[in-house]
Amino acid sequence: MNRPNALSDAIEACRLCAPRFAATATAHEPRPVPWFRASARLLIAGQAPGARVQAIGEPFRDASGDRLRLWTGLSEAEFYDRERVAIVPMAFCFPGYDAKGSDLPPPPICARTWHAQVMHTLCRRELTLVVGGAAQRWHLGTRSVTETVADWRAHLAQSRAFPLPHPSWRTTGWLKRHPWFETELLPALRAEVRAVMEMT
């Protein structure tokens, strides 16, 4: 794969999970949403696209994305600038819903197949935002989202990573119980993100 976007093209063409998705309550086709370039300095490592992203084909085109952009201080244009920002979830496709309408977890085969190659490609990254438990387990080797996010200063110092909770509506109660996230973590996050975005 020596063309600049060959890896992204290969991921977009992936159909490994077609039988798995056909068996879900949504019975949907795979639609991988790769969003990265080798030049990216900021990596947003997330969980998996949702149903809206599956329909539109762009990551975080939903209320979770609105909240994440608010947290980071990035404009929409900055957030979707693939030359500077890579968005790499643990699964590139919407995993679907189970029979009760709950989100299914990211299929592990996606990370096993693609993540090492993507991380190798992103050799210029300066900062990683690790969003949610699935991404934190893979990138940081941690289990508890609350403990991991609370220890954000250590992760930033050791690996230039900011652990964040998932920005969905389900996190609203968590945010109220942990006011330090808004008063201490978010100002530091915005300052670090801005510094990376302004690198030449």
C-alpha atoms as a PDB file:
ATOM      1  CA  MET A   1       0.000   0.000   0.000  1.00  0.00           C
ATOM      2  CA  ASN A   2       2.234   2.817  -1.201  1.00  0.00           C
ATOM      3  CA  ARG A   3      -0.450   5.305  -2.285  1.00  0.00           C
ATOM      4  CA  PRO A   4      -1.098   8.024   0.348  1.00  0.00           C
ATOM      5  CA  ASN A   5      -4.696   6.950   1.008  1.00  0.00           C
ATOM      6  CA  ALA A   6      -4.367   3.240   0.246  1.00  0.00           C
ATOM      7  CA  LEU A   7      -4.960   2.140   3.836  1.00  0.00           C
ATOM      8  CA  SER A   8      -8.029   4.331   4.172  1.00  0.00           C
ATOM      9  CA  ASP A   9      -9.334   2.948   0.865  1.00  0.00           C
ATOM     10  CA  ALA A  10      -8.748  -0.624   2.051  1.00  0.00           C
ATOM     11  CA  ILE A  11     -10.648  -0.009   5.279  1.00  0.00           C
ATOM     12  CA  GLU A  12     -13.510   1.603   3.388  1.00  0.00           C
ATOM     13  CA  ALA A  13     -13.768  -1.521   1.218  1.00  0.00           C
ATOM     14  CA  CYS A  14     -13.703  -3.926   4.209  1.00  0.00           C
ATOM     15  CA  ARG A  15     -16.645  -6.333   4.482  1.00  0.00           C
ATOM     16  CA  LEU A  16     -15.322  -8.683   7.189  1.00  0.00           C
ATOM     17  CA  CYS A  17     -18.335  -8.134   9.411  1.00  0.00           C
ATOM     18  CA  ALA A  18     -21.081  -8.479   6.798  1.00  0.00           C
ATOM     19  CA  PRO A  19     -22.441 -11.771   8.248  1.00  0.00           C
ATOM     20  CA  ARG A  20     -22.270 -10.383  11.795  1.00  0.00           C
ATOM     21  CA  PHE A  21     -24.184  -7.215  10.878  1.00  0.00           C
ATOM     22  CA  ALA A  22     -26.775  -9.129   8.863  1.00  0.00           C
ATOM     23  CA  ALA A  23     -27.603 -11.070  12.033  1.00  0.00           C
ATOM     24  CA  THR A  24     -28.241  -7.952  14.170  1.00  0.00           C
ATOM     25  CA  ALA A  25     -31.620  -6.351  14.811  1.00  0.00           C
ATOM     26  CA  THR A  26     -30.730  -3.665  12.259  1.00  0.00           C
ATOM     27  CA  ALA A  27     -29.596  -6.179   9.593  1.00  0.00           C
ATOM     28  CA  HIS A  28     -27.440  -3.490   7.999  1.00  0.00           C
ATOM     29  CA  GLU A  29     -24.588  -3.589   5.513  1.00  0.00           C
ATOM     30  CA  PRO A  30     -21.027  -2.657   6.536  1.00  0.00           C
ATOM     31  CA  ARG A  31     -20.122   0.963   5.907  1.00  0.00           C
ATOM     32  CA  PRO A  32     -16.642   1.662   7.287  1.00  0.00           C
ATOM     33  CA  VAL A  33     -15.949   5.329   7.995  1.00  0.00           C
ATOM     34  CA  PRO A  34     -12.146   5.836   7.953  1.00  0.00           C
ATOM     35  CA  TRP A  35     -11.153   9.421   8.711  1.00  0.00           C
ATOM     36  CA  PHE A  36      -7.405  10.007   8.826  1.00  0.00           C
ATOM     37  CA  ARG A  37      -4.334  11.161   6.935  1.00  0.00           C
ATOM     38  CA  ALA A  38      -0.693  10.505   7.799  1.00  0.00           C
ATOM     39  CA  SER A  39      -0.197  14.233   8.469  1.00  0.00           C
ATOM     40  CA  ALA A  40      -2.647  14.328  11.417  1.00  0.00           C
ATOM     41  CA  ARG A  41      -1.233  15.642  14.702  1.00  0.00           C
ATOM     42  CA  LEU A  42      -4.389  15.095  16.779  1.00  0.00           C
ATOM     43  CA  LEU A  43      -5.913  11.619  17.110  1.00  0.00           C
ATOM     44  CA  ILE A  44      -9.452  11.143  18.401  1.00  0.00           C
ATOM     45  CA  ALA A  45      -9.717   7.483  19.382  1.00  0.00           C
ATOM     46  CA  GLY A  46     -13.344   6.501  19.905  1.00  0.00           C
ATOM     47  CA  GLN A  47     -15.638   3.494  20.132  1.00  0.00           C
ATOM     48  CA  ALA A  48     -17.681   2.995  16.943  1.00  0.00           C
ATOM     49  CA  PRO A  49     -19.935   4.984  14.607  1.00  0.00           C
ATOM     50  CA  GLY A  50     -23.602   5.263  15.518  1.00  0.00           C
ATOM     51  CA  ALA A  51     -26.603   4.755  13.282  1.00  0.00           C
ATOM     52  CA  ARG A  52     -26.603   8.387  12.109  1.00  0.00           C
ATOM     53  CA  VAL A  53     -22.930   8.177  11.140  1.00  0.00           C
ATOM     54  CA  GLN A  54     -23.716   4.928   9.312  1.00  0.00           C
ATOM     55  CA  ALA A  55     -26.299   6.808   7.243  1.00  0.00           C
ATOM     56  CA  ILE A  56     -24.220   9.936   6.584  1.00  0.00           C
ATOM     57  CA  GLY A  57     -20.710   8.526   6.301  1.00  0.00           C
ATOM     58  CA  GLU A  58     -18.958  11.113   8.499  1.00  0.00           C
ATOM     59  CA  PRO A  59     -17.818  10.506  12.096  1.00  0.00           C
ATOM     60  CA  PHE A  60     -19.482  12.246  15.034  1.00  0.00           C
ATOM     61  CA  ARG A  61     -22.255  13.804  12.932  1.00  0.00           C
ATOM     62  CA  ASP A  62     -24.607  13.602  15.897  1.00  0.00           C
ATOM     63  CA  ALA A  63     -25.243  15.079  19.335  1.00  0.00           C
ATOM     64  CA  SER A  64     -22.189  13.255  20.701  1.00  0.00           C
ATOM     65  CA  GLY A  65     -20.059  15.039  18.123  1.00  0.00           C
ATOM     66  CA  ASP A  66     -21.541  18.397  19.107  1.00  0.00           C
ATOM     67  CA  ARG A  67     -20.587  17.781  22.724  1.00  0.00           C
ATOM     68  CA  LEU A  68     -17.116  16.521  21.818  1.00  0.00           C
ATOM     69  CA  ARG A  69     -16.460  19.626  19.703  1.00  0.00           C
ATOM     70  CA  LEU A  70     -17.591  21.758  22.633  1.00  0.00           C
ATOM     71  CA  TRP A  71     -15.221  19.912  24.962  1.00  0.00           C
ATOM     72  CA  THR A  72     -12.245  20.325  22.625  1.00  0.00           C
ATOM     73  CA  GLY A  73     -12.953  23.888  21.510  1.00  0.00           C
ATOM     74  CA  LEU A  74     -12.618  22.828  17.878  1.00  0.00           C
ATOM     75  CA  SER A  75     -14.754  24.400  15.205  1.00  0.00           C
ATOM     76  CA  GLU A  76     -16.583  22.057  12.856  1.00  0.00           C
ATOM     77  CA  ALA A  77     -14.135  22.895  10.055  1.00  0.00           C
ATOM     78  CA  GLU A  78     -11.135  22.123  12.292  1.00  0.00           C
ATOM     79  CA  PHE A  79     -12.677  18.930  13.615  1.00  0.00           C
ATOM     80  CA  TYR A  80     -13.204  17.553  10.097  1.00  0.00           C
ATOM     81  CA  ASP A  81      -9.808  18.646   8.736  1.00  0.00           C
ATOM     82  CA  ARG A  82      -8.309  15.220   8.028  1.00  0.00           C
ATOM     83  CA  GLU A  83      -4.874  16.725   7.427  1.00  0.00           C
ATOM     84  CA  ARG A  84      -4.736  17.714  11.106  1.00  0.00           C
ATOM     85  CA  VAL A  85      -7.299  15.507  12.893  1.00  0.00           C
ATOM     86  CA  ALA A  86      -7.616  11.721  12.662  1.00  0.00           C
ATOM     87  CA  ILE A  87     -10.780  10.067  13.990  1.00  0.00           C
ATOM     88  CA  VAL A  88     -10.140   6.373  14.568  1.00  0.00           C
ATOM     89  CA  PRO A  89     -12.757   4.311  16.452  1.00  0.00           C
ATOM     90  CA  MET A  90     -12.315   0.778  17.736  1.00  0.00           C
ATOM     91  CA  ALA A  91     -14.625  -0.327  14.921  1.00  0.00           C
ATOM     92  CA  PHE A  92     -15.000   1.622  11.697  1.00  0.00           C
ATOM     93  CA  CYS A  93     -18.604   0.465  11.125  1.00  0.00           C
ATOM     94  CA  PHE A  94     -21.816   0.900  13.083  1.00  0.00           C
ATOM     95  CA  PRO A  95     -22.044  -2.395  15.058  1.00  0.00           C
ATOM     96  CA  GLY A  96     -25.870  -2.341  15.146  1.00  0.00           C
ATOM     97  CA  TYR A  97     -28.393  -2.855  17.922  1.00  0.00           C
ATOM     98  CA  ASP A  98     -29.358  -5.951  19.818  1.00  0.00           C
ATOM     99  CA  ALA A  99     -32.960  -7.169  20.110  1.00  0.00           C
ATOM    100  CA  LYS A 100     -33.595  -4.722  22.980  1.00  0.00           C
ATOM    101  CA  GLY A 101     -32.364  -1.735  20.985  1.00  0.00           C
ATOM    102  CA  SER A 102     -29.067  -1.349  22.836  1.00  0.00           C
ATOM    103  CA  ASP A 103     -25.795  -0.584  21.062  1.00  0.00           C
ATOM    104  CA  LEU A 104     -23.714  -3.636  20.315  1.00  0.00           C
ATOM    105  CA  PRO A 105     -20.005  -3.442  21.232  1.00  0.00           C
ATOM    106  CA  PRO A 106     -17.375  -2.867  18.536  1.00  0.00           C
ATOM    107  CA  PRO A 107     -16.434  -6.202  16.928  1.00  0.00           C
ATOM    108  CA  PRO A 108     -12.860  -6.990  18.095  1.00  0.00           C
ATOM    109  CA  ILE A 109     -11.903  -8.223  14.612  1.00  0.00           C
ATOM    110  CA  CYS A 110     -11.887  -4.630  13.381  1.00  0.00           C
ATOM    111  CA  ALA A 111      -9.167  -3.483  15.777  1.00  0.00           C
ATOM    112  CA  ARG A 112      -7.207  -6.711  15.257  1.00  0.00           C
ATOM    113  CA  THR A 113      -7.284  -6.230  11.500  1.00  0.00           C
ATOM    114  CA  TRP A 114      -6.666  -2.500  11.128  1.00  0.00           C
ATOM    115  CA  HIS A 115      -5.469  -0.661  14.227  1.00  0.00           C
ATOM    116  CA  ALA A 116      -1.768  -1.484  14.193  1.00  0.00           C
ATOM    117  CA  GLN A 117      -1.562  -0.337  10.568  1.00  0.00           C
ATOM    118  CA  VAL A 118      -3.446   2.877  11.269  1.00  0.00           C
ATOM    119  CA  MET A 119      -1.335   3.718  14.322  1.00  0.00           C
ATOM    120  CA  HIS A 120       1.819   3.115  12.293  1.00  0.00           C
ATOM    121  CA  THR A 121       0.504   5.515   9.651  1.00  0.00           C
ATOM    122  CA  LEU A 122      -0.201   8.229  12.235  1.00  0.00           C
ATOM    123  CA  CYS A 123       3.460   8.685  13.079  1.00  0.00           C
ATOM    124  CA  ARG A 124       3.151  12.491  13.410  1.00  0.00           C
ATOM    125  CA  ARG A 125       0.467  12.492  16.099  1.00  0.00           C
ATOM    126  CA  GLU A 126       1.239  14.701  19.078  1.00  0.00           C
ATOM    127  CA  LEU A 127      -1.892  14.215  21.183  1.00  0.00           C
ATOM    128  CA  THR A 128      -4.519  11.473  21.505  1.00  0.00           C
ATOM    129  CA  LEU A 129      -8.014  11.934  22.905  1.00  0.00           C
ATOM    130  CA  VAL A 130      -9.116   8.517  24.159  1.00  0.00           C
ATOM    131  CA  VAL A 131     -12.910   8.589  24.215  1.00  0.00           C
ATOM    132  CA  GLY A 132     -14.839   5.958  26.178  1.00  0.00           C
ATOM    133  CA  GLY A 133     -14.086   2.626  27.799  1.00  0.00           C
ATOM    134  CA  ALA A 134     -13.442   0.508  24.705  1.00  0.00           C
ATOM    135  CA  ALA A 135     -10.798   2.904  23.398  1.00  0.00           C
ATOM    136  CA  GLN A 136      -9.237   3.313  26.836  1.00  0.00           C
ATOM    137  CA  ARG A 137      -8.851  -0.438  27.251  1.00  0.00           C
ATOM    138  CA  TRP A 138      -7.045  -0.709  23.909  1.00  0.00           C
ATOM    139  CA  HIS A 139      -4.911   2.450  23.993  1.00  0.00           C
ATOM    140  CA  LEU A 140      -4.248   2.795  27.730  1.00  0.00           C
ATOM    141  CA  GLY A 141      -4.814  -0.699  29.123  1.00  0.00           C
ATOM    142  CA  THR A 142      -7.260   0.593  31.757  1.00  0.00           C
ATOM    143  CA  ARG A 143     -10.677  -0.689  32.865  1.00  0.00           C
ATOM    144  CA  SER A 144     -12.603   1.947  34.822  1.00  0.00           C
ATOM    145  CA  VAL A 145     -13.583   5.022  32.805  1.00  0.00           C
ATOM    146  CA  THR A 146     -14.025   7.156  35.924  1.00  0.00           C
ATOM    147  CA  GLU A 147     -10.651   6.204  37.383  1.00  0.00           C
ATOM    148  CA  THR A 148      -8.931   6.619  34.019  1.00  0.00           C
ATOM    149  CA  VAL A 149     -10.405  10.063  33.363  1.00  0.00           C
ATOM    150  CA  ALA A 150      -9.707  11.155  36.944  1.00  0.00           C
ATOM    151  CA  ASP A 151      -6.048  10.243  36.360  1.00  0.00           C
ATOM    152  CA  TRP A 152      -5.871  12.387  33.213  1.00  0.00           C
ATOM    153  CA  ARG A 153      -2.809  14.332  34.325  1.00  0.00           C
ATOM    154  CA  ALA A 154      -0.721  11.164  34.557  1.00  0.00           C
ATOM    155  CA  HIS A 155      -1.896   9.907  31.159  1.00  0.00           C
ATOM    156  CA  LEU A 156      -1.139  13.270  29.589  1.00  0.00           C
ATOM    157  CA  ALA A 157       2.357  13.339  31.092  1.00  0.00           C
ATOM    158  CA  GLN A 158       3.185   9.696  30.308  1.00  0.00           C
ATOM    159  CA  SER A 159       1.675   9.173  26.864  1.00  0.00           C
ATOM    160  CA  ARG A 160       0.323  12.513  25.612  1.00  0.00           C
ATOM    161  CA  ALA A 161      -3.191  11.086  25.933  1.00  0.00           C
ATOM    162  CA  PHE A 162      -6.357  12.679  27.299  1.00  0.00           C
ATOM    163  CA  PRO A 163      -8.879  10.066  28.491  1.00  0.00           C
ATOM    164  CA  LEU A 164     -12.475  11.277  28.123  1.00  0.00           C
ATOM    165  CA  PRO A 165     -15.873   9.757  28.861  1.00  0.00           C
ATOM    166  CA  HIS A 166     -18.089   9.097  25.867  1.00  0.00           C
ATOM    167  CA  PRO A 167     -19.812  12.395  24.963  1.00  0.00           C
ATOM    168  CA  SER A 168     -23.289  10.861  24.540  1.00  0.00           C
ATOM    169  CA  TRP A 169     -26.382  11.979  26.464  1.00  0.00           C
ATOM    170  CA  ARG A 170     -25.826   9.024  28.797  1.00  0.00           C
ATOM    171  CA  THR A 171     -22.793  10.847  30.224  1.00  0.00           C
ATOM    172  CA  THR A 172     -24.832  13.828  31.479  1.00  0.00           C
ATOM    173  CA  GLY A 173     -25.328  12.308  34.937  1.00  0.00           C
ATOM    174  CA  TRP A 174     -21.640  11.382  35.140  1.00  0.00           C
ATOM    175  CA  LEU A 175     -20.672  14.988  34.361  1.00  0.00           C
ATOM    176  CA  LYS A 176     -22.894  16.287  37.165  1.00  0.00           C
ATOM    177  CA  ARG A 177     -21.309  13.868  39.634  1.00  0.00           C
ATOM    178  CA  HIS A 178     -17.774  14.866  38.597  1.00  0.00           C
ATOM    179  CA  PRO A 179     -17.648  18.683  38.309  1.00  0.00           C
ATOM    180  CA  TRP A 180     -13.842  18.610  38.164  1.00  0.00           C
ATOM    181  CA  PHE A 181     -14.169  17.393  34.570  1.00  0.00           C
ATOM    182  CA  GLU A 182     -15.482  20.777  33.477  1.00  0.00           C
ATOM    183  CA  THR A 183     -13.507  22.984  35.836  1.00  0.00           C
ATOM    184  CA  GLU A 184     -10.099  21.277  35.661  1.00  0.00           C
ATOM    185  CA  LEU A 185      -9.841  18.867  32.730  1.00  0.00           C
ATOM    186  CA  LEU A 186     -11.619  20.813  29.978  1.00  0.00           C
ATOM    187  CA  PRO A 187      -9.498  23.985  30.199  1.00  0.00           C
ATOM    188  CA  ALA A 188      -6.340  21.879  30.001  1.00  0.00           C
ATOM    189  CA  LEU A 189      -7.778  19.817  27.156  1.00  0.00           C
ATOM    190  CA  ARG A 190      -8.663  22.897  25.099  1.00  0.00           C
ATOM    191  CA  ALA A 191      -5.233  24.422  25.641  1.00  0.00           C
ATOM    192  CA  GLU A 192      -3.446  21.226  24.549  1.00  0.00           C
ATOM    193  CA  VAL A 193      -5.708  20.744  21.532  1.00  0.00           C
ATOM    194  CA  ARG A 194      -5.216  24.353  20.427  1.00  0.00           C
ATOM    195  CA  ALA A 195      -1.429  24.067  20.737  1.00  0.00           C
ATOM    196  CA  VAL A 196      -1.391  20.929  18.566  1.00  0.00           C
ATOM    197  CA  MET A 197      -3.745  22.440  15.980  1.00  0.00           C
ATOM    198  CA  GLU A 198      -1.471  25.454  15.597  1.00  0.00           C
ATOM    199  CA  MET A 199       1.678  23.393  14.974  1.00  0.00           C
ATOM    200  CA  THR A 200       3.312  23.945  11.598  1.00  0.00           C
END
